[in-house]
C-alpha atoms as a PDB file:
ATOM      1  CA  MET A   1     -16.772-108.956  94.722  1.00  0.00           C
ATOM      2  CA  MET A   2     -15.692-108.293  98.306  1.00  0.00           C
ATOM      3  CA  ILE A   3     -16.357-105.042 100.134  1.00  0.00           C
ATOM      4  CA  PHE A   4     -14.058-104.379 103.085  1.00  0.00           C
ATOM      5  CA  LYS A   5     -15.657-101.895 105.501  1.00  0.00           C
ATOM      6  CA  LEU A   6     -13.238-100.277 107.933  1.00  0.00           C
ATOM      7  CA  PHE A   7     -14.388 -98.545 111.115  1.00  0.00           C
ATOM      8  CA  PRO A   8     -12.019 -96.305 113.114  1.00  0.00           C
ATOM      9  CA  GLY A   9     -12.289 -95.640 116.831  1.00  0.00           C
ATOM     10  CA  GLU A  10     -13.702 -92.467 118.300  1.00  0.00           C
ATOM     11  CA  ARG A  11     -11.538 -89.454 117.430  1.00  0.00           C
ATOM     12  CA  ALA A  12      -9.043 -91.560 115.503  1.00  0.00           C
ATOM     13  CA  LEU A  13      -6.224 -89.757 113.714  1.00  0.00           C
ATOM     14  CA  LEU A  14      -5.385 -90.576 110.104  1.00  0.00           C
ATOM     15  CA  SER A  15      -2.225 -89.298 108.460  1.00  0.00           C
ATOM     16  CA  TRP A  16      -4.033 -89.039 105.103  1.00  0.00           C
ATOM     17  CA  LYS A  17      -4.339 -86.126 102.701  1.00  0.00           C
ATOM     18  CA  ASP A  18      -8.135 -86.364 102.511  1.00  0.00           C
ATOM     19  CA  LEU A  19     -10.960 -88.899 102.849  1.00  0.00           C
ATOM     20  CA  THR A  20      -9.356 -91.394 100.488  1.00  0.00           C
ATOM     21  CA  PHE A  21      -6.384 -93.734 100.705  1.00  0.00           C
ATOM     22  CA  SER A  22      -4.905 -94.635  97.344  1.00  0.00           C
ATOM     23  CA  SER A  23      -4.944 -98.091  95.770  1.00  0.00           C
ATOM     24  CA  SER A  24      -1.177 -97.775  95.297  1.00  0.00           C
ATOM     25  CA  SER A  25      -0.540 -97.305  99.025  1.00  0.00           C
ATOM     26  CA  LEU A  26      -3.120 -99.966  99.912  1.00  0.00           C
ATOM     27  CA  PHE A  27      -1.322-102.447  97.655  1.00  0.00           C
ATOM     28  CA  GLY A  28       1.932-101.716  99.472  1.00  0.00           C
ATOM     29  CA  GLY A  29       0.299-102.302 102.850  1.00  0.00           C
ATOM     30  CA  LEU A  30      -1.354-105.543 101.756  1.00  0.00           C
ATOM     31  CA  SER A  31       1.888-106.810 100.221  1.00  0.00           C
ATOM     32  CA  ASN A  32       3.737-106.164 103.459  1.00  0.00           C
ATOM     33  CA  ALA A  33       0.990-107.955 105.423  1.00  0.00           C
ATOM     34  CA  ILE A  34       1.068-110.987 103.081  1.00  0.00           C
ATOM     35  CA  GLY A  35       4.846-111.164 103.462  1.00  0.00           C
ATOM     36  CA  GLU A  36       4.671-110.958 107.255  1.00  0.00           C
ATOM     37  CA  LEU A  37       1.908-113.562 107.539  1.00  0.00           C
ATOM     38  CA  TYR A  38       2.848-116.080 104.853  1.00  0.00           C
ATOM     39  CA  GLY A  39       6.481-115.456 103.923  1.00  0.00           C
ATOM     40  CA  GLU A  40       8.373-114.256 100.877  1.00  0.00           C
ATOM     41  CA  GLY A  41       7.283-117.129  98.632  1.00  0.00           C
ATOM     42  CA  GLU A  42       3.610-116.339  99.069  1.00  0.00           C
ATOM     43  CA  LEU A  43       4.337-112.642  98.608  1.00  0.00           C
ATOM     44  CA  ARG A  44       5.839-113.375  95.188  1.00  0.00           C
ATOM     45  CA  LYS A  45       2.715-115.340  94.253  1.00  0.00           C
ATOM     46  CA  PHE A  46       0.539-112.436  95.478  1.00  0.00           C
ATOM     47  CA  ILE A  47       2.372-109.942  93.256  1.00  0.00           C
ATOM     48  CA  GLU A  48       2.188-112.337  90.297  1.00  0.00           C
ATOM     49  CA  ALA A  49      -1.569-112.758  90.856  1.00  0.00           C
ATOM     50  CA  PHE A  50      -1.928-108.954  90.797  1.00  0.00           C
ATOM     51  CA  SER A  51       0.010-108.692  87.544  1.00  0.00           C
ATOM     52  CA  LYS A  52      -2.261-111.352  85.967  1.00  0.00           C
ATOM     53  CA  ASN A  53      -5.454-109.524  87.093  1.00  0.00           C
ATOM     54  CA  GLU A  54      -6.362-112.378  89.444  1.00  0.00           C
ATOM     55  CA  ILE A  55      -6.541-109.759  92.222  1.00  0.00           C
ATOM     56  CA  ASN A  56      -7.562-106.125  91.948  1.00  0.00           C
ATOM     57  CA  ILE A  57      -8.407-103.424  94.486  1.00  0.00           C
ATOM     58  CA  SER A  58      -9.959 -99.979  94.460  1.00  0.00           C
ATOM     59  CA  SER A  59      -8.798 -97.050  96.533  1.00  0.00           C
ATOM     60  CA  VAL A  60     -10.304 -96.555  99.996  1.00  0.00           C
ATOM     61  CA  PHE A  61     -13.405 -94.321 100.013  1.00  0.00           C
ATOM     62  CA  PRO A  62     -15.650 -92.809 102.715  1.00  0.00           C
ATOM     63  CA  MET A  63     -18.908 -94.328 103.922  1.00  0.00           C
ATOM     64  CA  ILE A  64     -21.500 -93.637 106.609  1.00  0.00           C
ATOM     65  CA  ARG A  65     -22.462 -96.337 109.058  1.00  0.00           C
ATOM     66  CA  GLY A  66     -26.245 -96.218 109.342  1.00  0.00           C
ATOM     67  CA  GLU A  67     -28.566 -97.934 111.799  1.00  0.00           C
ATOM     68  CA  THR A  68     -30.285 -99.979 109.099  1.00  0.00           C
ATOM     69  CA  GLN A  69     -28.137 -99.439 105.997  1.00  0.00           C
ATOM     70  CA  ASP A  70     -24.665 -98.107 105.263  1.00  0.00           C
ATOM     71  CA  ILE A  71     -24.242 -95.291 102.739  1.00  0.00           C
ATOM     72  CA  LEU A  72     -21.232 -95.792 100.468  1.00  0.00           C
ATOM     73  CA  PHE A  73     -19.690 -93.001  98.411  1.00  0.00           C
ATOM     74  CA  LEU A  74     -17.729 -92.998  95.154  1.00  0.00           C
ATOM     75  CA  PRO A  75     -15.634 -90.200  93.621  1.00  0.00           C
ATOM     76  CA  ARG A  76     -17.412 -87.709  91.409  1.00  0.00           C
ATOM     77  CA  PRO A  77     -16.531 -88.439  87.753  1.00  0.00           C
ATOM     78  CA  ILE A  78     -14.179 -85.939  86.145  1.00  0.00           C
ATOM     79  CA  LEU A  79     -16.554 -84.813  83.413  1.00  0.00           C
ATOM     80  CA  PRO A  80     -18.158 -81.462  82.581  1.00  0.00           C
ATOM     81  CA  PRO A  81     -21.902 -81.022  83.118  1.00  0.00           C
ATOM     82  CA  LYS A  82     -24.322 -79.967  80.414  1.00  0.00           C
ATOM     83  CA  LEU A  83     -23.626 -76.675  78.675  1.00  0.00           C
ATOM     84  CA  GLU A  84     -23.332 -73.554  80.805  1.00  0.00           C
ATOM     85  CA  GLY A  85     -26.385 -71.373  80.941  1.00  0.00           C
ATOM     86  CA  LYS A  86     -28.882 -74.228  80.934  1.00  0.00           C
ATOM     87  CA  GLU A  87     -29.205 -74.278  84.737  1.00  0.00           C
ATOM     88  CA  GLY A  88     -30.633 -71.675  86.992  1.00  0.00           C
ATOM     89  CA  GLY A  89     -29.467 -70.904  90.504  1.00  0.00           C
ATOM     90  CA  SER A  90     -27.204 -68.361  92.152  1.00  0.00           C
ATOM     91  CA  SER A  91     -23.444 -68.275  91.907  1.00  0.00           C
ATOM     92  CA  ILE A  92     -23.259 -69.423  95.552  1.00  0.00           C
ATOM     93  CA  GLU A  93     -25.327 -72.505  94.708  1.00  0.00           C
ATOM     94  CA  SER A  94     -23.134 -73.192  91.678  1.00  0.00           C
ATOM     95  CA  LYS A  95     -20.001 -73.018  93.819  1.00  0.00           C
ATOM     96  CA  LYS A  96     -21.489 -75.503  96.280  1.00  0.00           C
ATOM     97  CA  ILE A  97     -22.214 -77.917  93.465  1.00  0.00           C
ATOM     98  CA  LYS A  98     -18.694 -77.551  92.070  1.00  0.00           C
ATOM     99  CA  ARG A  99     -17.273 -78.484  95.484  1.00  0.00           C
ATOM    100  CA  ILE A 100     -18.999 -81.886  95.481  1.00  0.00           C
ATOM    101  CA  LYS A 101     -16.354 -84.614  95.608  1.00  0.00           C
ATOM    102  CA  TRP A 102     -18.319 -87.694  96.669  1.00  0.00           C
ATOM    103  CA  LEU A 103     -21.535 -89.220  95.340  1.00  0.00           C
ATOM    104  CA  SER A 104     -23.614 -91.933  96.956  1.00  0.00           C
ATOM    105  CA  VAL A 105     -23.433 -95.142  94.917  1.00  0.00           C
ATOM    106  CA  ASN A 106     -26.942 -94.776  93.464  1.00  0.00           C
ATOM    107  CA  THR A 107     -26.231 -91.170  92.469  1.00  0.00           C
ATOM    108  CA  PHE A 108     -22.923 -92.206  90.891  1.00  0.00           C
ATOM    109  CA  PHE A 109     -24.631 -94.655  88.532  1.00  0.00           C
ATOM    110  CA  GLU A 110     -27.570 -92.306  87.867  1.00  0.00           C
ATOM    111  CA  LEU A 111     -25.048 -89.682  86.779  1.00  0.00           C
ATOM    112  CA  GLY A 112     -23.319 -92.351  84.690  1.00  0.00           C
ATOM    113  CA  LYS A 113     -26.625 -93.114  83.001  1.00  0.00           C
ATOM    114  CA  SER A 114     -26.955 -89.439  82.011  1.00  0.00           C
ATOM    115  CA  ILE A 115     -23.572 -89.263  80.234  1.00  0.00           C
ATOM    116  CA  VAL A 116     -23.867 -88.628  76.507  1.00  0.00           C
ATOM    117  CA  TYR A 117     -21.416 -88.237  73.661  1.00  0.00           C
ATOM    118  CA  ASP A 118     -21.857 -85.051  71.637  1.00  0.00           C
ATOM    119  CA  ASP A 119     -20.681 -85.806  68.129  1.00  0.00           C
ATOM    120  CA  SER A 120     -20.693 -82.117  67.146  1.00  0.00           C
ATOM    121  CA  ASP A 121     -17.755 -81.229  69.404  1.00  0.00           C
ATOM    122  CA  LYS A 122     -16.536 -84.793  70.127  1.00  0.00           C
ATOM    123  CA  SER A 123     -17.144 -84.450  73.865  1.00  0.00           C
ATOM    124  CA  TYR A 124     -18.692 -86.395  76.747  1.00  0.00           C
ATOM    125  CA  ARG A 125     -20.976 -84.597  79.198  1.00  0.00           C
ATOM    126  CA  PHE A 126     -23.372 -85.579  81.951  1.00  0.00           C
ATOM    127  CA  TYR A 127     -26.925 -84.294  82.263  1.00  0.00           C
ATOM    128  CA  TYR A 128     -27.555 -85.168  85.891  1.00  0.00           C
ATOM    129  CA  VAL A 129     -28.839 -82.183  87.911  1.00  0.00           C
ATOM    130  CA  PHE A 130     -27.559 -81.759  91.475  1.00  0.00           C
ATOM    131  CA  SER A 131     -29.738 -80.307  94.212  1.00  0.00           C
ATOM    132  CA  ASN A 132     -28.157 -78.127  96.900  1.00  0.00           C
ATOM    133  CA  SER A 133     -30.476 -79.571  99.533  1.00  0.00           C
ATOM    134  CA  ASN A 134     -28.794 -82.973  99.127  1.00  0.00           C
ATOM    135  CA  ILE A 135     -25.262 -81.721  99.812  1.00  0.00           C
ATOM    136  CA  PHE A 136     -23.910 -82.275 103.314  1.00  0.00           C
ATOM    137  CA  TRP A 137     -20.546 -82.142 105.073  1.00  0.00           C
ATOM    138  CA  ASN A 138     -19.483 -79.658 102.370  1.00  0.00           C
ATOM    139  CA  ASP A 139     -18.625 -82.101  99.589  1.00  0.00           C
ATOM    140  CA  LEU A 140     -20.806 -85.239  99.908  1.00  0.00           C
ATOM    141  CA  PHE A 141     -23.972 -85.720  97.851  1.00  0.00           C
ATOM    142  CA  TYR A 142     -26.830 -88.079  98.720  1.00  0.00           C
ATOM    143  CA  ALA A 143     -29.775 -88.116  96.305  1.00  0.00           C
ATOM    144  CA  GLN A 144     -32.354 -89.035  98.953  1.00  0.00           C
ATOM    145  CA  ASP A 145     -33.371 -86.927 101.933  1.00  0.00           C
ATOM    146  CA  VAL A 146     -30.322 -86.398 104.124  1.00  0.00           C
ATOM    147  CA  PRO A 147     -31.013 -87.701 107.657  1.00  0.00           C
ATOM    148  CA  ALA A 148     -31.151 -84.881 110.205  1.00  0.00           C
ATOM    149  CA  GLU A 149     -28.417 -86.392 112.392  1.00  0.00           C
ATOM    150  CA  PHE A 150     -25.960 -86.178 109.491  1.00  0.00           C
ATOM    151  CA  LYS A 151     -26.576 -82.451 109.126  1.00  0.00           C
ATOM    152  CA  ARG A 152     -25.832 -81.556 112.744  1.00  0.00           C
ATOM    153  CA  GLU A 153     -22.132 -82.294 113.020  1.00  0.00           C
ATOM    154  CA  ILE A 154     -19.340 -83.091 110.591  1.00  0.00           C
ATOM    155  CA  PRO A 155     -17.578 -86.247 111.882  1.00  0.00           C
ATOM    156  CA  PHE A 156     -14.153 -85.308 110.577  1.00  0.00           C
ATOM    157  CA  ARG A 157     -11.861 -82.314 110.653  1.00  0.00           C
ATOM    158  CA  LYS A 158      -8.317 -81.460 109.715  1.00  0.00           C
ATOM    159  CA  VAL A 159      -5.872 -81.051 112.590  1.00  0.00           C
ATOM    160  CA  GLU A 160      -2.587 -79.166 112.368  1.00  0.00           C
ATOM    161  CA  VAL A 161       0.267 -81.050 114.036  1.00  0.00           C
ATOM    162  CA  PRO A 162       3.428 -79.094 114.997  1.00  0.00           C
ATOM    163  CA  HIS A 163       6.886 -80.577 114.353  1.00  0.00           C
ATOM    164  CA  ALA A 164      10.431 -79.312 114.913  1.00  0.00           C
ATOM    165  CA  SER A 165      13.527 -80.161 112.905  1.00  0.00           C
ATOM    166  CA  ILE A 166      17.006 -79.679 114.394  1.00  0.00           C
ATOM    167  CA  ASP A 167      19.998 -78.811 112.234  1.00  0.00           C
ATOM    168  CA  ARG A 168      22.854 -81.242 112.890  1.00  0.00           C
ATOM    169  CA  LEU A 169      25.545 -78.622 112.382  1.00  0.00           C
ATOM    170  CA  ASP A 170      24.432 -75.553 114.311  1.00  0.00           C
ATOM    171  CA  PHE A 171      21.523 -77.139 116.280  1.00  0.00           C
ATOM    172  CA  SER A 172      19.134 -74.454 115.083  1.00  0.00           C
ATOM    173  CA  SER A 173      15.474 -75.455 115.094  1.00  0.00           C
ATOM    174  CA  ASN A 174      12.757 -75.057 112.517  1.00  0.00           C
ATOM    175  CA  LEU A 175       9.054 -75.292 113.340  1.00  0.00           C
ATOM    176  CA  PHE A 176       6.715 -76.713 110.695  1.00  0.00           C
ATOM    177  CA  PHE A 177       3.212 -78.167 110.563  1.00  0.00           C
ATOM    178  CA  THR A 178       1.537 -81.146 108.925  1.00  0.00           C
ATOM    179  CA  GLU A 179      -2.152 -81.964 108.672  1.00  0.00           C
ATOM    180  CA  ASP A 180      -3.925 -85.065 109.947  1.00  0.00           C
ATOM    181  CA  ILE A 181      -7.594 -85.956 109.735  1.00  0.00           C
ATOM    182  CA  MET A 182      -9.522 -86.651 112.946  1.00  0.00           C
ATOM    183  CA  VAL A 183     -12.570 -88.867 112.378  1.00  0.00           C
ATOM    184  CA  LYS A 184     -15.343 -90.353 114.480  1.00  0.00           C
ATOM    185  CA  ASN A 185     -18.627 -92.217 114.073  1.00  0.00           C
ATOM    186  CA  PRO A 186     -20.659 -92.508 111.910  1.00  0.00           C
ATOM    187  CA  LEU A 187     -17.855 -92.042 109.367  1.00  0.00           C
ATOM    188  CA  GLY A 188     -16.180 -95.196 108.102  1.00  0.00           C
ATOM    189  CA  PHE A 189     -14.238 -96.272 105.036  1.00  0.00           C
ATOM    190  CA  TYR A 190     -14.339 -99.101 102.534  1.00  0.00           C
ATOM    191  CA  PHE A 191     -12.634-100.534  99.479  1.00  0.00           C
ATOM    192  CA  LEU A 192     -13.593-103.027  96.785  1.00  0.00           C
ATOM    193  CA  CYS A 193     -11.653-106.179  95.991  1.00  0.00           C
ATOM    194  CA  GLU A 194     -11.944-108.727  93.203  1.00  0.00           C
ATOM    195  CA  ALA A 195      -9.953-111.923  93.729  1.00  0.00           C
ATOM    196  CA  LEU A 196      -9.908-115.586  92.844  1.00  0.00           C
ATOM    197  CA  ASP A 197     -11.267-117.854  95.575  1.00  0.00           C
ATOM    198  CA  VAL A 198      -7.797-119.153  96.437  1.00  0.00           C
ATOM    199  CA  TRP A 199      -6.799-115.644  97.603  1.00  0.00           C
ATOM    200  CA  ARG A 200      -9.908-114.527  99.460  1.00  0.00           C
ATOM    201  CA  ASP A 201      -9.118-115.845 102.949  1.00  0.00           C
ATOM    202  CA  LYS A 202      -5.502-114.688 102.747  1.00  0.00           C
ATOM    203  CA  ILE A 203      -6.567-111.181 101.745  1.00  0.00           C
ATOM    204  CA  LYS A 204      -9.060-111.070 104.624  1.00  0.00           C
ATOM    205  CA  ASN A 205      -6.312-112.069 107.061  1.00  0.00           C
ATOM    206  CA  ALA A 206      -3.956-109.506 105.531  1.00  0.00           C
ATOM    207  CA  VAL A 207      -6.523-106.721 105.943  1.00  0.00           C
ATOM    208  CA  SER A 208      -7.079-107.623 109.608  1.00  0.00           C
ATOM    209  CA  PHE A 209      -3.302-107.594 110.142  1.00  0.00           C
ATOM    210  CA  LEU A 210      -2.953-104.296 108.301  1.00  0.00           C
ATOM    211  CA  LEU A 211      -5.656-102.529 110.313  1.00  0.00           C
ATOM    212  CA  ASP A 212      -3.975-103.477 113.578  1.00  0.00           C
ATOM    213  CA  GLU A 213      -0.707-102.095 112.225  1.00  0.00           C
ATOM    214  CA  GLY A 214      -2.312 -98.992 110.708  1.00  0.00           C
ATOM    215  CA  LEU A 215      -2.986 -97.379 107.320  1.00  0.00           C
ATOM    216  CA  GLY A 216      -0.940 -94.375 106.305  1.00  0.00           C
ATOM    217  CA  GLY A 217       1.929 -92.503 107.918  1.00  0.00           C
ATOM    218  CA  GLU A 218       3.086 -92.240 111.535  1.00  0.00           C
ATOM    219  CA  ARG A 219       1.646 -95.599 112.536  1.00  0.00           C
ATOM    220  CA  SER A 220       4.163 -95.810 115.383  1.00  0.00           C
ATOM    221  CA  LYS A 221       2.261 -92.892 116.934  1.00  0.00           C
ATOM    222  CA  GLY A 222      -1.036 -94.786 116.769  1.00  0.00           C
ATOM    223  CA  LYS A 223      -2.351 -93.130 113.627  1.00  0.00           C
ATOM    224  CA  GLY A 224      -4.352 -95.013 111.017  1.00  0.00           C
ATOM    225  CA  ILE A 225      -5.604 -97.672 113.443  1.00  0.00           C
ATOM    226  CA  PHE A 226      -9.063 -99.172 112.848  1.00  0.00           C
ATOM    227  CA  GLU A 227     -11.097-100.988 115.486  1.00  0.00           C
ATOM    228  CA  GLU A 228     -13.316-103.115 113.267  1.00  0.00           C
ATOM    229  CA  VAL A 229     -13.367-104.598 109.783  1.00  0.00           C
ATOM    230  CA  LYS A 230     -16.480-106.040 108.164  1.00  0.00           C
ATOM    231  CA  VAL A 231     -16.307-108.077 104.956  1.00  0.00           C
ATOM    232  CA  GLU A 232     -19.299-108.454 102.650  1.00  0.00           C
ATOM    233  CA  GLU A 233     -19.485-110.419  99.426  1.00  0.00           C
ATOM    234  CA  VAL A 234     -22.121-108.792  97.234  1.00  0.00           C
ATOM    235  CA  ASP A 235     -22.847-107.961  93.613  1.00  0.00           C
ATOM    236  CA  PHE A 236     -21.921-104.317  94.022  1.00  0.00           C
ATOM    237  CA  LEU A 237     -22.275-103.077  90.451  1.00  0.00           C
ATOM    238  CA  PRO A 238     -25.538-102.651  88.526  1.00  0.00           C
ATOM    239  CA  LYS A 239     -25.906-104.221  85.110  1.00  0.00           C
ATOM    240  CA  VAL A 240     -25.114-101.698  82.389  1.00  0.00           C
ATOM    241  CA  LYS A 241     -26.821-102.633  79.125  1.00  0.00           C
ATOM    242  CA  LYS A 242     -25.237 -99.974  76.942  1.00  0.00           C
ATOM    243  CA  VAL A 243     -21.760 -98.941  78.093  1.00  0.00           C
ATOM    244  CA  ILE A 244     -20.718 -95.409  77.173  1.00  0.00           C
ATOM    245  CA  GLY A 245     -17.467 -95.351  79.143  1.00  0.00           C
ATOM    246  CA  TYR A 246     -15.586 -96.374  82.276  1.00  0.00           C
ATOM    247  CA  ILE A 247     -14.810 -94.491  85.476  1.00  0.00           C
ATOM    248  CA  GLY A 248     -11.683 -95.236  87.489  1.00  0.00           C
ATOM    249  CA  LEU A 249     -11.910 -96.138  91.167  1.00  0.00           C
ATOM    250  CA  SER A 250      -8.153 -96.407  91.641  1.00  0.00           C
ATOM    251  CA  LEU A 251      -4.928 -94.671  90.750  1.00  0.00           C
ATOM    252  CA  THR A 252      -4.003 -95.814  87.261  1.00  0.00           C
ATOM    253  CA  TYR A 253      -0.721 -96.022  85.383  1.00  0.00           C
ATOM    254  CA  PRO A 254      -1.809 -96.824  81.820  1.00  0.00           C
ATOM    255  CA  SER A 255       0.236 -98.611  79.223  1.00  0.00           C
ATOM    256  CA  GLU A 256       1.188 -96.785  76.029  1.00  0.00           C
ATOM    257  CA  GLU A 257      -1.494 -98.683  74.106  1.00  0.00           C
ATOM    258  CA  GLU A 258      -4.175 -97.442  76.522  1.00  0.00           C
ATOM    259  CA  VAL A 259      -3.396 -93.720  76.330  1.00  0.00           C
ATOM    260  CA  SER A 260      -5.856 -93.250  73.439  1.00  0.00           C
ATOM    261  CA  LYS A 261      -8.689 -94.483  75.696  1.00  0.00           C
ATOM    262  CA  ILE A 262      -8.201 -91.692  78.250  1.00  0.00           C
ATOM    263  CA  TYR A 263     -10.734 -88.878  77.924  1.00  0.00           C
ATOM    264  CA  SER A 264     -10.757 -86.709  81.079  1.00  0.00           C
ATOM    265  CA  PHE A 265      -8.562 -87.066  84.102  1.00  0.00           C
ATOM    266  CA  SER A 266      -6.664 -85.464  86.950  1.00  0.00           C
ATOM    267  CA  LEU A 267      -3.017 -86.239  87.637  1.00  0.00           C
ATOM    268  CA  VAL A 268      -1.833 -87.001  91.156  1.00  0.00           C
ATOM    269  CA  LYS A 269       1.658 -87.742  92.353  1.00  0.00           C
ATOM    270  CA  ASP A 270       2.371 -91.056  94.002  1.00  0.00           C
ATOM    271  CA  ASP A 271       5.457 -91.000  96.212  1.00  0.00           C
ATOM    272  CA  GLY A 272       6.381 -91.472  99.847  1.00  0.00           C
ATOM    273  CA  PHE A 273       7.986 -94.453 101.535  1.00  0.00           C
ATOM    274  CA  VAL A 274       7.642 -98.222 101.266  1.00  0.00           C
ATOM    275  CA  TYR A 275       7.725-100.065 104.593  1.00  0.00           C
ATOM    276  CA  MET A 276       9.813-103.216 104.258  1.00  0.00           C
ATOM    277  CA  GLY A 277       9.370-104.780 107.694  1.00  0.00           C
ATOM    278  CA  GLY A 278      11.914-104.799 110.496  1.00  0.00           C
ATOM    279  CA  GLY A 279      11.802-101.018 110.704  1.00  0.00           C
ATOM    280  CA  ARG A 280      13.181-100.522 107.174  1.00  0.00           C
ATOM    281  CA  SER A 281      11.673 -98.066 104.727  1.00  0.00           C
ATOM    282  CA  ILE A 282      12.590 -97.107 101.179  1.00  0.00           C
ATOM    283  CA  LYS A 283      11.852 -93.825  99.447  1.00  0.00           C
ATOM    284  CA  LYS A 284       9.670 -94.260  96.360  1.00  0.00           C
ATOM    285  CA  SER A 285      10.321 -92.199  93.263  1.00  0.00           C
ATOM    286  CA  ARG A 286       7.689 -89.641  92.326  1.00  0.00           C
ATOM    287  CA  VAL A 287       5.315 -91.024  89.700  1.00  0.00           C
ATOM    288  CA  MET A 288       2.311 -89.230  88.207  1.00  0.00           C
ATOM    289  CA  MET A 289      -0.845 -91.349  87.923  1.00  0.00           C
ATOM    290  CA  LEU A 290      -4.426 -90.837  86.783  1.00  0.00           C
ATOM    291  CA  SER A 291      -6.656 -90.141  89.758  1.00  0.00           C
ATOM    292  CA  GLU A 292      -9.846 -91.788  90.921  1.00  0.00           C
ATOM    293  CA  GLY A 293     -12.846 -90.444  88.975  1.00  0.00           C
ATOM    294  CA  SER A 294     -10.988 -90.296  85.639  1.00  0.00           C
ATOM    295  CA  PHE A 295     -13.174 -91.081  82.624  1.00  0.00           C
ATOM    296  CA  TYR A 296     -12.093 -93.570  79.958  1.00  0.00           C
ATOM    297  CA  LYS A 297     -13.611 -94.112  76.499  1.00  0.00           C
ATOM    298  CA  GLY A 298     -12.693 -97.798  76.647  1.00  0.00           C
ATOM    299  CA  GLU A 299     -11.671-100.331  79.229  1.00  0.00           C
ATOM    300  CA  VAL A 300      -8.128 -99.918  80.581  1.00  0.00           C
ATOM    301  CA  LYS A 301      -6.106-102.316  82.719  1.00  0.00           C
ATOM    302  CA  GLY A 302      -3.162-100.177  83.822  1.00  0.00           C
ATOM    303  CA  LYS A 303      -0.045-101.967  84.934  1.00  0.00           C
ATOM    304  CA  LEU A 304       2.032-103.131  87.849  1.00  0.00           C
ATOM    305  CA  PHE A 305       5.565-101.832  87.448  1.00  0.00           C
ATOM    306  CA  GLU A 306       8.789-102.155  89.376  1.00  0.00           C
ATOM    307  CA  GLU A 307      11.671 -99.927  90.369  1.00  0.00           C
ATOM    308  CA  ARG A 308      14.961-100.715  92.086  1.00  0.00           C
ATOM    309  CA  SER A 309      16.633 -99.232  95.130  1.00  0.00           C
ATOM    310  CA  GLY A 310      20.058-100.831  95.219  1.00  0.00           C
ATOM    311  CA  ASN A 311      19.448-104.570  95.225  1.00  0.00           C
ATOM    312  CA  ILE A 312      15.853-104.212  96.432  1.00  0.00           C
ATOM    313  CA  VAL A 313      12.948-104.379  93.961  1.00  0.00           C
ATOM    314  CA  VAL A 314       9.846-102.330  94.784  1.00  0.00           C
ATOM    315  CA  PHE A 315       6.572-103.045  92.976  1.00  0.00           C
ATOM    316  CA  ARG A 316       4.177-100.144  92.348  1.00  0.00           C
ATOM    317  CA  ASN A 317       0.474-100.652  91.721  1.00  0.00           C
ATOM    318  CA  GLY A 318      -0.898 -98.739  88.752  1.00  0.00           C
ATOM    319  CA  LYS A 319      -3.576-101.320  87.971  1.00  0.00           C
ATOM    320  CA  ALA A 320      -6.915 -99.814  86.959  1.00  0.00           C
ATOM    321  CA  PHE A 321     -10.067-100.669  88.879  1.00  0.00           C
ATOM    322  CA  THR A 322     -12.812 -99.350  86.603  1.00  0.00           C
ATOM    323  CA  VAL A 323     -16.605 -99.616  86.494  1.00  0.00           C
ATOM    324  CA  PRO A 324     -18.719 -99.312  83.343  1.00  0.00           C
ATOM    325  CA  VAL A 325     -21.342 -96.565  83.147  1.00  0.00           C
ATOM    326  CA  GLY A 326     -24.198 -95.988  80.754  1.00  0.00           C
ATOM    327  CA  ASP A 327     -27.810 -96.985  80.221  1.00  0.00           C
ATOM    328  CA  LEU A 328     -29.091 -99.243  83.023  1.00  0.00           C
ATOM    329  CA  SER A 329     -32.555 -99.863  81.577  1.00  0.00           C
END
């Protein structure tokens, strides 16, 4: 498995909704990069390899660049904790715990190990206990002692950007705002990629191309640019001896046969524009997908599907990138 670590410049602006960039949008960017670098024929082979599960990618998640070791985060699984009333703590502490969105990798799999199936009410719950002292930057959780330098300053903030639209008929103006995310060190990002050997070098080249061009919206204004990419090939996932379920690390568009395997989820809309090269862009239809962190009772694959805009075919990535959770011992 390849891990692509992406490091933005100081005070870089990202036209993202939050600290994640979806697998659907990442697929679109990589496809465009493959087409630009290797031509339409290779792009067709790339899409075919995706449809055959020869290539798969997760969404982009946050990480912290440490002096000796990087800290990678995964989305908190969408599962209820153990029954209410079993934990102590004030309501303020409970609210802080509910706001946690990101778990360090070790915490993620420790929580996965604590998931049990309650046959009495046919439900899955986790029994991992969060500590308020390990929460930092409002919604990140790190099970070990949080380094002091990480507690001093949050390396990202939302920035309101003013825009004005002009009516073509009466030339009246309308002021509106959008939000960008400003980030700086030590915050970085990463995504996971599984691919056959024949595709590895091409994907690495495509990622380098893509980071120079930018990830996300308003790239022509310099947003979404990353200064460095680091590729590691490691065995990222621990060995799970007794699998109790699967957690999604990508947006997923399941097939009809896979709907019965879905247990708990959040729906997110996937829309926006597809950049076609040469300054062309096509509006994507709005599609609802299962979000990162969704819990599945069985393994799902999702699917790559297509839609047409005139004589142009647009491929949408709803392939599932899941990891098994359960007993590690």
